Amino acid sequence: MEREELSWRDVEALIDHMLPQIAGHFDVILIITRGGIIPGGIMAEALDIRDVLMAAVEFPRDPELDQFAWPTFLQFPSDTLFRGRRVLIVDDVWDSGRTINTVRGRVKAAGGDVRTCVLHYKPKRSRFPDKQPDFYGAITDRWIIYPWEVDRGPDFALQAPLMVLS
């Protein structure tokens, strides 16, 4: 897969492209960790949304279980924080779409009016052909390396830690 390394200016341009579409429409930003933390924080500041929440979702890494595995919600806000509110869910990329759609379903079940937002949308890799993000900065089929990942390199998640903190 071809790789693309973004600069901070590239990220700002993607967010600036989306902000006019998003402005004034949301009560809450729900950021999916870890990829959504930086773009979600920038959007919360730019849109003056002070109600910023976090969700952390994990799927089993076993390829044999991949299609059928239920996620584990490592962190998720109380349902009462979504009921009757306009919620913008933010992540960095919609690759398979599995994480953001899992979060979307849970927020909808809690009574939130939900929209999704990502910097990059990969429709060819999406497992949800009938869905797409409500807002996205760009469509791509490349492996995106965001500026906050550059020092770690594109394969940082596959490497053993250099030091274990105790």
Protein backbone atom coordinates (compact mmCIF):
# COMPACT_ATOMS: atom_id res chain seq x y z
CA MET A 1 0.00 0.00 0.00
CA GLU A 2 1.34 3.40 -0.95
CA ARG A 3 2.12 5.65 2.03
CA GLU A 4 1.49 9.35 2.46
CA GLU A 5 3.12 11.42 5.19
CA LEU A 6 1.14 14.51 6.18
CA SER A 7 2.39 17.77 7.63
CA TRP A 8 0.60 19.78 10.30
CA ARG A 9 -0.47 22.19 7.56
CA ASP A 10 -2.04 19.28 5.67
CA VAL A 11 -4.05 18.34 8.76
CA GLU A 12 -5.10 21.97 9.30
CA ALA A 13 -6.27 22.16 5.66
CA LEU A 14 -8.38 19.00 6.05
CA ILE A 15 -9.98 20.34 9.22
CA ASP A 16 -10.51 23.80 7.69
CA HIS A 17 -12.31 22.11 4.79
CA MET A 18 -14.76 20.44 7.19
CA LEU A 19 -15.33 23.18 9.78
CA PRO A 20 -17.87 25.25 7.78
CA GLN A 21 -20.01 22.12 7.33
CA ILE A 22 -19.86 21.23 11.02
CA ALA A 23 -20.05 24.63 12.75
CA GLY A 24 -23.05 25.32 14.95
CA HIS A 25 -24.57 21.87 14.64
CA PHE A 26 -23.27 19.92 17.65
CA ASP A 27 -23.54 19.90 21.44
CA VAL A 28 -20.92 17.21 22.12
CA ILE A 29 -17.77 15.89 20.49
CA LEU A 30 -17.03 12.23 21.17
CA ILE A 31 -13.40 11.48 20.33
CA ILE A 32 -12.31 7.95 19.53
CA THR A 33 -8.92 7.23 21.07
CA ARG A 34 -6.21 7.35 20.04
CA GLY A 35 -6.39 8.54 16.46
CA GLY A 36 -9.18 11.03 17.04
CA ILE A 37 -7.61 12.82 19.99
CA ILE A 38 -5.68 15.45 18.05
CA PRO A 39 -8.19 16.23 15.27
CA GLY A 40 -11.07 16.09 17.78
CA GLY A 41 -9.28 18.48 20.11
CA ILE A 42 -8.55 20.91 17.30
CA MET A 43 -12.20 20.78 16.18
CA ALA A 44 -13.52 21.23 19.71
CA GLU A 45 -11.41 24.36 20.11
CA ALA A 46 -12.26 25.77 16.67
CA LEU A 47 -15.99 25.12 17.13
CA ASP A 48 -16.03 26.23 20.78
CA ILE A 49 -17.53 22.92 21.89
CA ARG A 50 -16.69 22.45 25.54
CA ASP A 51 -18.40 19.11 26.05
CA VAL A 52 -15.66 16.76 24.84
CA LEU A 53 -15.87 13.05 25.64
CA MET A 54 -13.67 10.02 24.91
CA ALA A 55 -14.40 6.49 23.75
CA ALA A 56 -11.89 3.66 23.57
CA VAL A 57 -12.82 0.49 21.70
CA GLU A 58 -10.76 -2.64 21.17
CA PHE A 59 -11.36 -5.59 18.88
CA PRO A 60 -9.59 -8.96 19.24
CA ARG A 61 -6.48 -9.12 17.05
CA ASP A 62 -6.99 -12.77 16.11
CA PRO A 63 -7.64 -12.86 12.33
CA GLU A 64 -9.86 -15.93 12.73
CA LEU A 65 -12.19 -14.01 15.05
CA ASP A 66 -12.01 -10.78 13.08
CA GLN A 67 -15.36 -10.98 11.27
CA PHE A 68 -17.37 -12.14 14.28
CA ALA A 69 -15.70 -10.57 17.31
CA TRP A 70 -17.57 -8.31 19.67
CA PRO A 71 -15.65 -5.21 20.73
CA THR A 72 -14.55 -4.37 24.22
CA PHE A 73 -15.37 -0.83 25.30
CA LEU A 74 -12.32 0.11 27.35
CA GLN A 75 -13.76 3.54 28.05
CA PHE A 76 -17.18 4.94 27.21
CA PRO A 77 -19.21 7.84 28.63
CA SER A 78 -22.54 7.34 30.34
CA ASP A 79 -25.58 7.05 28.08
CA THR A 80 -27.16 10.03 29.84
CA LEU A 81 -24.53 12.32 28.30
CA PHE A 82 -25.89 11.58 24.81
CA ARG A 83 -29.66 11.44 25.26
CA GLY A 84 -31.33 14.13 23.15
CA ARG A 85 -28.03 15.73 22.17
CA ARG A 86 -26.32 16.34 18.83
CA VAL A 87 -23.10 14.30 18.91
CA LEU A 88 -20.13 14.53 16.53
CA ILE A 89 -17.96 11.42 16.64
CA VAL A 90 -14.37 12.15 15.52
CA ASP A 91 -11.60 9.77 14.48
CA ASP A 92 -8.58 10.14 12.22
CA VAL A 93 -9.43 7.59 9.53
CA TRP A 94 -12.34 5.41 8.38
CA ASP A 95 -10.50 2.33 7.18
CA SER A 96 -12.74 -0.69 7.72
CA GLY A 97 -15.26 1.57 9.48
CA ARG A 98 -15.71 -0.99 12.22
CA THR A 99 -14.68 1.16 15.19
CA ILE A 100 -16.56 4.33 14.29
CA ASN A 101 -19.72 2.41 13.38
CA THR A 102 -19.57 0.48 16.65
CA VAL A 103 -19.34 3.78 18.54
CA ARG A 104 -22.08 5.32 16.37
CA GLY A 105 -24.43 2.42 17.19
CA ARG A 106 -23.87 2.74 20.90
CA VAL A 107 -24.47 6.51 20.90
CA LYS A 108 -27.64 6.11 18.80
CA ALA A 109 -28.88 3.43 21.21
CA ALA A 110 -28.34 5.93 24.04
CA GLY A 111 -30.58 8.46 22.28
CA GLY A 112 -27.98 10.71 20.66
CA ASP A 113 -28.39 12.38 17.28
CA VAL A 114 -25.14 11.18 15.72
CA ARG A 115 -22.86 12.28 12.89
CA THR A 116 -19.36 10.99 12.12
CA CYS A 117 -16.24 12.87 11.07
CA VAL A 118 -12.82 11.64 9.94
CA LEU A 119 -9.82 13.21 8.30
CA HIS A 120 -9.55 10.37 5.76
CA TYR A 121 -12.16 8.02 4.32
CA LYS A 122 -11.11 4.78 2.58
CA PRO A 123 -14.24 3.54 0.77
CA LYS A 124 -12.43 0.63 -0.91
CA ARG A 125 -11.51 -0.83 2.49
CA SER A 126 -14.79 -0.12 4.26
CA ARG A 127 -16.81 -3.07 5.52
CA PHE A 128 -19.91 -0.87 5.40
CA PRO A 129 -20.72 -0.23 1.74
CA ASP A 130 -24.07 1.32 2.67
CA LYS A 131 -22.48 3.85 5.07
CA GLN A 132 -19.86 6.55 4.92
CA PRO A 133 -18.70 9.32 7.24
CA ASP A 134 -20.98 12.35 7.38
CA PHE A 135 -17.92 14.60 7.16
CA TYR A 136 -14.46 13.78 5.84
CA GLY A 137 -11.47 15.77 4.73
CA ALA A 138 -10.31 13.51 1.89
CA ILE A 139 -10.82 10.15 0.22
CA THR A 140 -7.74 7.95 -0.10
CA ASP A 141 -6.50 4.41 -0.51
CA ARG A 142 -3.06 5.22 0.92
CA TRP A 143 -1.57 4.40 4.28
CA ILE A 144 -1.69 7.80 6.01
CA ILE A 145 1.03 8.83 8.43
CA TYR A 146 -0.10 11.79 10.51
CA PRO A 147 2.41 14.33 11.83
CA TRP A 148 1.97 13.08 15.39
CA GLU A 149 3.08 9.60 14.19
CA VAL A 150 6.12 10.59 12.11
CA ASP A 151 8.79 10.05 14.77
CA ARG A 152 7.49 6.57 15.49
CA GLY A 153 7.40 5.52 11.85
CA PRO A 154 4.58 3.76 10.02
CA ASP A 155 5.12 0.38 11.70
CA PHE A 156 5.47 1.58 15.30
CA ALA A 157 2.55 -0.53 16.53
CA LEU A 158 4.27 -3.71 15.33
CA GLN A 159 7.54 -3.04 17.13
CA ALA A 160 8.46 -4.24 20.60
CA PRO A 161 8.83 -1.44 23.15
CA LEU A 162 12.37 -0.17 23.70
CA MET A 163 11.83 0.18 27.42
CA VAL A 164 9.25 -1.12 29.84
CA LEU A 165 8.12 1.34 32.47
CA SER A 166 7.21 -0.16 35.82
